[in-house]
């Protein structure tokens, strides 16, 4: 009799890099259990949708993808849909009720019941191991991978529902993380991006104090790792002394992810951010003093309940004064169950959109000026994609998907870190020539 082919499973991941790590773990688990992971849903028997529920736009996108998945299911008999992630963690019962076509709706980390729904045998006597090298399958771009050092958050910002969806801070043991980092380096990863809901708090729950610096030093010792990058750092934790210690870590990219959210004293207090504009400015200045080529990235929120024009101007002028190298902005979206959702004052959507446009135009001008200064310089670039015979990558100033990219002219291999001489620049894109032993590699390249 012909051998029965393995079950084919595709995963559609929405939201942030923390969700991507969960998808990578699931991909590894299903492969270890005998299934085949496929990239194209058209080839799949089962489609897993890893949802996001952080803001209204993310929830709407998740619902849209689920509706598309239902249509996908109806096109071929025998297909199944399984749902996981942040939105199903919080609103799973409602999702299952509203979409009876779904074959399973699970919260975060429900690996064993999810495997039952996928009709695969659980691993290890009913317990599934999700640790590298036991089975994580990388879905990120070549040469780069995320290392989730913690999950959940205990910061209690008034606008954020993360704790409701992912719980309070839970740090991963340092020994486990170092082993995972070594396994990733053995797979050819050159950039490790450390993530958590709030990375600077790493270790408090396990060791009674912050252990991020110690973790970075241990990972920095791993051969093969060239770049370390930190994301999701909470400004109140980033004191000048901490930043000075951070800057001494070998291999750490000169990149500070510093989400200010706002600069008005009243708004920051209403957000429960635990800091002030003055303290944030002092920390940024301290980092730039010890890291002359620093890139400081931020995110800001406009339209928070009760935000006046004068308070918005405080934010605008703070950004104008600090001159962030990178910045993202979004409009406040009320999250069910959060304190801010109960605030009565509301900013009209049109006003919030106009404020969003103003800060992004400001940031575009800042990026144009800062990028213009890079023309003629030689930068390290991690090459991560090819299209139509052209290569694209990122500098140490840029995190995947959210920051700028570099068009690399000449010979460049996916996953490699190459030296590139920058020849042209715009707000969100650089262009340069790959160098080898000081010589450009564009001969014969159109």
Protein backbone atom coordinates (compact mmCIF):
# COMPACT_ATOMS: atom_id res chain seq x y z
CA UNK A 1 0.00 0.00 0.00
CA UNK A 2 1.22 3.56 -0.72
CA UNK A 3 2.64 5.37 2.24
CA UNK A 4 0.25 7.93 3.69
CA UNK A 5 1.63 11.44 3.39
CA UNK A 6 2.10 13.48 6.59
CA UNK A 7 -0.39 16.09 7.68
CA UNK A 8 0.47 19.47 6.19
CA UNK A 9 0.23 22.50 8.47
CA UNK A 10 0.60 26.20 7.63
CA UNK A 11 0.82 29.02 10.17
CA UNK A 12 -0.34 32.60 9.61
CA UNK A 13 1.29 34.85 12.22
CA UNK A 14 -0.09 38.26 13.14
CA UNK A 15 1.27 40.86 15.54
CA UNK A 16 4.68 41.26 17.08
CA UNK A 17 7.88 39.23 17.22
CA UNK A 18 6.74 37.56 20.44
CA UNK A 19 3.94 35.93 18.45
CA UNK A 20 6.46 34.92 15.80
CA UNK A 21 8.46 33.02 18.42
CA UNK A 22 5.31 31.11 19.43
CA UNK A 23 4.72 30.23 15.76
CA UNK A 24 8.32 29.06 15.43
CA UNK A 25 7.89 26.82 18.47
CA UNK A 26 4.67 25.40 17.07
CA UNK A 27 6.28 24.77 13.68
CA UNK A 28 9.06 22.84 15.38
CA UNK A 29 6.64 20.86 17.55
CA UNK A 30 4.42 19.76 14.66
CA UNK A 31 7.44 18.67 12.62
CA UNK A 32 8.79 16.67 15.56
CA UNK A 33 5.36 15.04 15.88
CA UNK A 34 5.41 13.84 12.29
CA UNK A 35 3.58 16.60 10.44
CA UNK A 36 4.96 18.68 7.57
CA UNK A 37 5.19 22.44 7.95
CA UNK A 38 4.38 24.28 4.71
CA UNK A 39 4.62 27.98 3.87
CA UNK A 40 1.67 28.15 1.43
CA UNK A 41 -1.85 27.70 2.88
CA UNK A 42 -2.96 26.31 -0.48
CA UNK A 43 -0.86 23.19 0.21
CA UNK A 44 -2.03 22.81 3.81
CA UNK A 45 -4.56 20.52 5.42
CA UNK A 46 -4.63 22.66 8.55
CA UNK A 47 -4.20 26.42 8.85
CA UNK A 48 -3.15 27.78 12.24
CA UNK A 49 -3.88 31.48 12.76
CA UNK A 50 -1.76 33.09 15.48
CA UNK A 51 -3.79 36.18 16.41
CA UNK A 52 -2.92 39.58 17.85
CA UNK A 53 -5.20 41.64 20.08
CA UNK A 54 -3.03 44.58 21.14
CA UNK A 55 -5.02 47.44 19.55
CA UNK A 56 -8.28 47.72 17.60
CA UNK A 57 -6.51 47.61 14.24
CA UNK A 58 -4.74 44.40 15.21
CA UNK A 59 -7.98 42.80 16.39
CA UNK A 60 -9.72 43.82 13.18
CA UNK A 61 -6.89 42.34 11.13
CA UNK A 62 -7.08 39.09 13.10
CA UNK A 63 -10.83 38.84 12.51
CA UNK A 64 -10.33 39.57 8.80
CA UNK A 65 -7.72 36.79 8.52
CA UNK A 66 -10.03 34.37 10.34
CA UNK A 67 -12.85 35.15 7.90
CA UNK A 68 -10.44 34.54 5.01
CA UNK A 69 -9.44 31.27 6.67
CA UNK A 70 -13.09 30.18 6.80
CA UNK A 71 -13.36 30.81 3.07
CA UNK A 72 -10.12 28.86 2.58
CA UNK A 73 -11.63 25.94 4.51
CA UNK A 74 -14.79 25.86 2.42
CA UNK A 75 -12.87 25.62 -0.86
CA UNK A 76 -11.65 22.08 -0.14
CA UNK A 77 -13.20 19.30 1.89
CA UNK A 78 -11.31 18.12 4.95
CA UNK A 79 -9.47 21.35 5.74
CA UNK A 80 -9.30 22.55 9.33
CA UNK A 81 -8.60 25.84 11.14
CA UNK A 82 -6.95 26.20 14.53
CA UNK A 83 -6.65 29.55 16.32
CA UNK A 84 -4.06 30.61 18.91
CA UNK A 85 -2.46 33.80 20.23
CA UNK A 86 -3.30 36.90 22.21
CA UNK A 87 -6.79 37.57 20.85
CA UNK A 88 -7.93 34.00 21.43
CA UNK A 89 -6.36 34.09 24.90
CA UNK A 90 -8.66 36.95 25.87
CA UNK A 91 -11.71 36.48 23.63
CA UNK A 92 -11.51 32.77 22.80
CA UNK A 93 -15.05 31.89 23.90
CA UNK A 94 -16.53 34.72 21.84
CA UNK A 95 -14.46 33.80 18.77
CA UNK A 96 -15.54 30.16 18.99
CA UNK A 97 -19.17 31.20 19.37
CA UNK A 98 -19.13 33.66 16.48
CA UNK A 99 -17.20 31.35 14.12
CA UNK A 100 -18.41 27.77 14.52
CA UNK A 101 -16.37 26.81 11.43
CA UNK A 102 -13.20 26.91 13.54
CA UNK A 103 -11.88 23.55 14.70
CA UNK A 104 -10.08 24.73 17.81
CA UNK A 105 -9.49 28.00 19.68
CA UNK A 106 -6.62 28.06 22.17
CA UNK A 107 -4.87 30.47 24.48
CA UNK A 108 -1.16 31.16 24.75
CA UNK A 109 0.95 28.09 25.50
CA UNK A 110 -1.89 25.55 25.19
CA UNK A 111 0.42 23.21 23.28
CA UNK A 112 -0.95 19.82 24.36
CA UNK A 113 -4.66 20.46 23.67
CA UNK A 114 -3.65 22.19 20.45
CA UNK A 115 -1.78 19.08 19.34
CA UNK A 116 -4.88 17.04 20.09
CA UNK A 117 -6.90 19.37 17.85
CA UNK A 118 -4.27 18.98 15.15
CA UNK A 119 -4.63 15.19 15.54
CA UNK A 120 -0.94 14.77 16.32
CA UNK A 121 0.53 12.73 19.16
CA UNK A 122 1.84 14.85 22.06
CA UNK A 123 5.56 14.53 22.76
CA UNK A 124 7.21 13.17 25.87
CA UNK A 125 4.39 11.26 27.57
CA UNK A 126 1.84 13.98 27.06
CA UNK A 127 4.16 16.88 27.74
CA UNK A 128 5.57 18.98 24.94
CA UNK A 129 9.01 20.54 25.13
CA UNK A 130 9.28 23.87 23.33
CA UNK A 131 12.93 24.59 24.00
CA UNK A 132 15.65 24.87 21.40
CA UNK A 133 17.20 22.60 20.21
CA UNK A 134 14.17 20.37 20.85
CA UNK A 135 12.25 21.77 17.92
CA UNK A 136 11.94 25.49 17.23
CA UNK A 137 11.84 26.14 13.48
CA UNK A 138 13.01 29.61 12.47
CA UNK A 139 10.61 31.67 10.36
CA UNK A 140 12.55 34.95 10.49
CA UNK A 141 14.84 36.28 7.77
CA UNK A 142 18.22 34.55 7.20
CA UNK A 143 20.95 35.35 9.70
CA UNK A 144 18.64 36.82 12.33
CA UNK A 145 16.47 35.34 15.09
CA UNK A 146 14.49 36.45 18.12
CA UNK A 147 15.33 35.26 21.62
CA UNK A 148 12.37 35.72 23.95
CA UNK A 149 13.86 36.21 27.39
CA UNK A 150 10.58 36.73 29.23
CA UNK A 151 6.84 36.88 28.76
CA UNK A 152 4.11 38.89 30.41
CA UNK A 153 4.44 42.32 31.99
CA UNK A 154 4.01 43.77 35.47
CA UNK A 155 4.30 47.45 34.56
CA UNK A 156 0.53 48.17 34.51
CA UNK A 157 0.45 51.00 31.97
CA UNK A 158 -3.14 52.25 32.03
CA UNK A 159 -3.71 51.84 28.28
CA UNK A 160 -2.24 48.35 27.89
CA UNK A 161 -3.97 44.95 28.05
CA UNK A 162 -0.81 42.85 27.78
CA UNK A 163 -1.06 41.54 31.35
CA UNK A 164 -4.64 40.39 30.67
CA UNK A 165 -3.51 38.44 27.61
CA UNK A 166 -0.03 37.23 28.52
CA UNK A 167 0.01 37.52 32.31
CA UNK A 168 2.60 39.10 34.59
CA UNK A 169 6.38 38.97 34.12
CA UNK A 170 7.82 35.47 33.75
CA UNK A 171 11.54 35.36 32.99
CA UNK A 172 13.17 32.39 31.30
CA UNK A 173 16.08 30.80 33.22
CA UNK A 174 19.42 32.19 32.09
CA UNK A 175 20.94 28.76 31.50
CA UNK A 176 18.10 27.86 29.13
CA UNK A 177 18.48 31.12 27.21
CA UNK A 178 22.22 30.71 26.78
CA UNK A 179 21.68 27.16 25.47
CA UNK A 180 19.04 28.43 23.06
CA UNK A 181 21.34 31.21 21.87
CA UNK A 182 24.14 28.69 21.24
CA UNK A 183 21.78 26.48 19.24
CA UNK A 184 20.68 29.44 17.14
CA UNK A 185 24.31 30.42 16.50
CA UNK A 186 24.98 26.85 15.36
CA UNK A 187 22.13 27.27 12.85
CA UNK A 188 23.90 30.26 11.30
CA UNK A 189 22.19 33.08 13.18
CA UNK A 190 24.42 36.16 13.32
CA UNK A 191 22.00 38.63 14.94
CA UNK A 192 20.09 37.80 18.11
CA UNK A 193 17.22 40.13 18.97
CA UNK A 194 16.28 39.87 22.64
CA UNK A 195 12.60 40.45 23.27
CA UNK A 196 10.06 40.33 26.08
CA UNK A 197 7.12 42.47 27.03
CA UNK A 198 9.60 44.58 29.03
CA UNK A 199 13.16 43.34 28.66
CA UNK A 200 14.84 45.52 31.27
CA UNK A 201 12.93 43.71 34.04
CA UNK A 202 14.45 40.38 33.05
CA UNK A 203 15.34 38.27 36.08
CA UNK A 204 13.46 40.14 38.82
CA UNK A 205 10.98 37.31 39.33
CA UNK A 206 13.61 34.52 39.20
CA UNK A 207 16.68 36.09 40.77
CA UNK A 208 15.31 38.97 42.81
CA UNK A 209 17.09 41.59 40.71
CA UNK A 210 17.52 42.70 37.10
CA UNK A 211 19.86 40.32 35.29
CA UNK A 212 19.75 41.65 31.74
CA UNK A 213 23.35 42.87 31.70
CA UNK A 214 24.67 39.51 32.95
CA UNK A 215 22.60 37.68 30.34
CA UNK A 216 23.94 39.89 27.55
CA UNK A 217 27.54 39.31 28.59
CA UNK A 218 27.05 35.54 28.58
CA UNK A 219 25.42 35.55 25.15
CA UNK A 220 28.08 37.90 23.82
CA UNK A 221 30.67 35.18 24.53
CA UNK A 222 29.00 32.78 22.07
CA UNK A 223 31.04 32.30 18.88
CA UNK A 224 29.17 33.12 15.70
CA UNK A 225 26.92 35.79 17.17
CA UNK A 226 27.92 39.16 15.69
CA UNK A 227 25.09 41.48 16.71
CA UNK A 228 22.91 41.68 19.82
CA UNK A 229 19.83 43.89 19.74
CA UNK A 230 17.40 44.77 22.53
CA UNK A 231 13.73 45.63 22.02
CA UNK A 232 10.86 46.67 24.32
CA UNK A 233 12.76 48.50 27.04
CA UNK A 234 10.76 50.48 29.62
CA UNK A 235 12.11 54.05 30.08
CA UNK A 236 11.81 54.19 33.92
CA UNK A 237 14.29 51.29 34.10
CA UNK A 238 16.84 52.97 31.83
CA UNK A 239 18.83 55.06 34.28
CA UNK A 240 22.07 56.70 33.11
CA UNK A 241 24.09 54.17 35.16
CA UNK A 242 22.24 51.21 33.63
CA UNK A 243 22.76 52.59 30.13
CA UNK A 244 26.47 53.07 30.75
CA UNK A 245 26.73 49.40 31.77
CA UNK A 246 24.68 48.40 28.75
CA UNK A 247 26.99 50.26 26.39
CA UNK A 248 29.98 48.19 27.58
CA UNK A 249 28.44 44.89 26.42
CA UNK A 250 30.40 43.50 23.44
CA UNK A 251 28.46 42.93 20.20
CA UNK A 252 25.52 45.05 21.37
CA UNK A 253 24.18 47.15 18.51
CA UNK A 254 24.28 50.92 19.17
CA UNK A 255 20.48 50.82 19.21
CA UNK A 256 18.24 51.90 22.09
CA UNK A 257 14.55 51.01 21.88
CA UNK A 258 13.12 53.72 24.14
CA UNK A 259 9.30 54.03 23.83
CA UNK A 260 8.45 57.35 25.45
CA UNK A 261 4.72 57.21 24.50
CA UNK A 262 4.36 60.88 25.51
CA UNK A 263 6.14 63.85 27.07
CA UNK A 264 3.36 65.72 28.90
CA UNK A 265 3.61 65.28 32.69
CA UNK A 266 -0.17 64.89 33.07
CA UNK A 267 -0.48 62.39 30.22
CA UNK A 268 2.49 60.33 31.43
CA UNK A 269 0.91 60.17 34.88
CA UNK A 270 -2.46 59.17 33.42
CA UNK A 271 -0.68 56.47 31.40
CA UNK A 272 1.05 55.25 34.61
CA UNK A 273 4.41 55.34 32.85
CA UNK A 274 6.39 56.02 36.03
CA UNK A 275 8.71 58.63 34.53
CA UNK A 276 8.98 62.23 33.36
CA UNK A 277 10.15 63.95 30.21
CA UNK A 278 13.20 65.29 32.03
CA UNK A 279 14.30 61.86 33.23
CA UNK A 280 13.79 60.36 29.78
CA UNK A 281 15.83 63.11 28.16
CA UNK A 282 18.62 62.61 30.71
CA UNK A 283 18.74 58.87 29.94
CA UNK A 284 18.86 59.44 26.18
CA UNK A 285 21.67 61.96 26.58
CA UNK A 286 23.59 59.49 28.79
CA UNK A 287 23.35 56.77 26.15
CA UNK A 288 24.44 59.09 23.36
CA UNK A 289 27.42 60.26 25.40
CA UNK A 290 28.80 56.73 25.82
CA UNK A 291 27.68 55.55 22.34
CA UNK A 292 28.59 58.32 19.86
CA UNK A 293 27.03 56.51 16.87
CA UNK A 294 23.84 55.69 18.79
CA UNK A 295 20.45 55.16 17.25
CA UNK A 296 17.60 55.91 19.64
CA UNK A 297 14.23 54.54 18.57
CA UNK A 298 10.94 55.48 20.16
CA UNK A 299 7.20 55.03 19.83
CA UNK A 300 4.64 57.69 20.69
CA UNK A 301 0.90 57.71 21.21
CA UNK A 302 -1.38 60.57 20.18
CA UNK A 303 -5.02 61.06 21.04
CA UNK A 304 -4.81 59.65 24.57
CA UNK A 305 -8.04 60.48 26.48
CA UNK A 306 -8.05 64.16 27.38
CA UNK A 307 -4.92 65.06 25.41
CA UNK A 308 -5.10 68.81 24.78
CA UNK A 309 -3.43 70.68 21.95
CA UNK A 310 -0.92 72.12 24.43
CA UNK A 311 -0.07 68.63 25.70
CA UNK A 312 0.37 67.36 22.17
CA UNK A 313 2.70 70.31 21.51
CA UNK A 314 4.80 69.17 24.49
CA UNK A 315 5.22 65.79 22.81
CA UNK A 316 5.97 67.38 19.44
CA UNK A 317 8.62 69.72 20.83
CA UNK A 318 10.18 66.91 22.89
CA UNK A 319 10.61 64.84 19.72
CA UNK A 320 11.91 67.88 17.89
CA UNK A 321 14.45 68.54 20.62
CA UNK A 322 15.65 64.96 21.11
CA UNK A 323 15.86 64.20 17.36
CA UNK A 324 15.16 60.47 17.53
CA UNK A 325 16.91 58.49 14.80
CA UNK A 326 13.86 56.22 14.52
CA UNK A 327 10.25 56.67 15.64
CA UNK A 328 6.84 55.10 15.19
CA UNK A 329 3.53 56.65 16.15
CA UNK A 330 -0.01 55.41 16.64
CA UNK A 331 -3.40 56.66 17.78
CA UNK A 332 -4.73 55.63 21.17
CA UNK A 333 -7.18 52.75 21.01
CA UNK A 334 -9.23 51.88 24.13
CA UNK A 335 -8.60 48.33 25.35
CA UNK A 336 -11.38 46.57 27.21
CA UNK A 337 -10.59 46.05 30.88
CA UNK A 338 -7.85 48.70 31.09
CA UNK A 339 -8.09 51.79 33.34
CA UNK A 340 -7.73 54.17 30.39
CA UNK A 341 -10.76 52.64 28.67
CA UNK A 342 -12.87 54.11 31.49
CA UNK A 343 -11.57 57.65 31.01
CA UNK A 344 -14.47 59.78 29.85
CA UNK A 345 -12.59 62.41 27.85
CA UNK A 346 -12.08 61.46 24.21
CA UNK A 347 -10.06 63.07 21.46
CA UNK A 348 -11.93 63.33 18.17
CA UNK A 349 -10.63 60.95 15.51
CA UNK A 350 -9.99 63.75 13.06
CA UNK A 351 -7.90 65.63 15.62
CA UNK A 352 -5.92 62.49 16.48
CA UNK A 353 -5.25 61.78 12.80
CA UNK A 354 -4.00 65.32 12.28
CA UNK A 355 -1.64 64.99 15.25
CA UNK A 356 -0.39 61.64 13.97
CA UNK A 357 0.35 63.21 10.60
CA UNK A 358 2.27 66.06 12.21
CA UNK A 359 4.58 63.86 14.27
CA UNK A 360 5.28 61.53 11.35
CA UNK A 361 6.10 64.46 9.05
CA UNK A 362 8.47 65.75 11.73
CA UNK A 363 10.11 62.35 12.02
CA UNK A 364 10.47 62.03 8.26
CA UNK A 365 12.38 65.32 8.17
CA UNK A 366 14.63 64.17 11.02
CA UNK A 367 15.35 60.84 9.30
CA UNK A 368 16.18 62.59 6.02
CA UNK A 369 18.75 64.81 7.75
CA UNK A 370 20.33 61.97 9.72
CA UNK A 371 20.49 59.67 6.70
CA UNK A 372 22.07 62.35 4.56
CA UNK A 373 25.03 62.35 6.97
CA UNK A 374 25.56 58.64 6.32
CA UNK A 375 26.29 59.11 2.61
CA UNK A 376 29.95 58.27 2.02
CA UNK A 377 30.26 56.20 5.19
CA UNK A 378 30.88 52.44 5.23
CA UNK A 379 28.38 50.52 7.38
CA UNK A 380 27.86 46.90 8.30
CA UNK A 381 24.69 45.48 6.73
CA UNK A 382 22.96 42.17 7.46
CA UNK A 383 21.65 40.88 4.12
CA UNK A 384 18.23 39.35 4.64
CA UNK A 385 16.31 39.19 1.38
CA UNK A 386 16.67 39.05 -2.38
CA UNK A 387 14.18 40.05 -5.03
CA UNK A 388 14.67 40.23 -8.78
CA UNK A 389 18.42 39.83 -8.45
CA UNK A 390 18.60 42.67 -5.92
CA UNK A 391 19.66 42.38 -2.28
CA UNK A 392 18.28 44.18 0.76
CA UNK A 393 19.48 44.36 4.33
CA UNK A 394 19.66 46.30 7.59
CA UNK A 395 22.29 48.24 9.48
CA UNK A 396 22.95 48.11 13.21
CA UNK A 397 20.54 51.07 13.43
CA UNK A 398 17.61 49.04 12.15
CA UNK A 399 15.37 46.31 13.57
CA UNK A 400 13.44 44.02 11.21
CA UNK A 401 10.26 45.33 9.59
CA UNK A 402 9.93 48.49 11.68
CA UNK A 403 13.01 50.49 10.63
CA UNK A 404 14.91 51.48 7.50
CA UNK A 405 16.50 49.12 4.98
CA UNK A 406 19.51 49.19 2.66
CA UNK A 407 19.53 48.35 -1.05
CA UNK A 408 22.86 46.56 -1.51
CA UNK A 409 24.54 46.80 -4.90
CA UNK A 410 27.02 44.07 -5.74
CA UNK A 411 27.74 40.59 -4.45
CA UNK A 412 26.01 39.76 -1.17
CA UNK A 413 24.95 36.47 0.39
CA UNK A 414 21.74 36.05 2.37
CA UNK A 415 22.43 35.89 6.10
CA UNK A 416 25.89 37.47 5.84
CA UNK A 417 27.00 40.74 7.42
CA UNK A 418 28.83 42.75 4.76
CA UNK A 419 30.46 46.17 4.60
CA UNK A 420 28.50 48.59 2.42
CA UNK A 421 29.53 52.07 1.32
CA UNK A 422 26.44 54.28 1.40
CA UNK A 423 25.90 56.21 -1.84
CA UNK A 424 22.34 57.50 -1.54
CA UNK A 425 19.77 58.09 1.20
CA UNK A 426 16.12 58.94 1.76
CA UNK A 427 14.00 59.01 4.92
CA UNK A 428 13.48 55.27 5.22
CA UNK A 429 15.92 53.75 2.77
CA UNK A 430 19.64 53.72 2.09
CA UNK A 431 21.52 52.55 -0.98
CA UNK A 432 25.10 51.37 -1.06
CA UNK A 433 27.87 49.32 -2.64
CA UNK A 434 29.04 46.04 -1.13
CA UNK A 435 32.79 46.08 -0.42
CA UNK A 436 35.26 43.22 -0.31
CA UNK A 437 38.79 43.96 0.93
CA UNK A 438 38.13 47.64 0.40
CA UNK A 439 37.00 47.22 -3.21
CA UNK A 440 33.46 47.76 -4.44
CA UNK A 441 31.64 44.78 -5.96
CA UNK A 442 29.42 46.54 -8.51
CA UNK A 443 31.35 45.77 -11.66
CA UNK A 444 28.85 44.53 -14.21
CA UNK A 445 25.87 45.37 -11.96
CA UNK A 446 23.17 47.55 -13.53
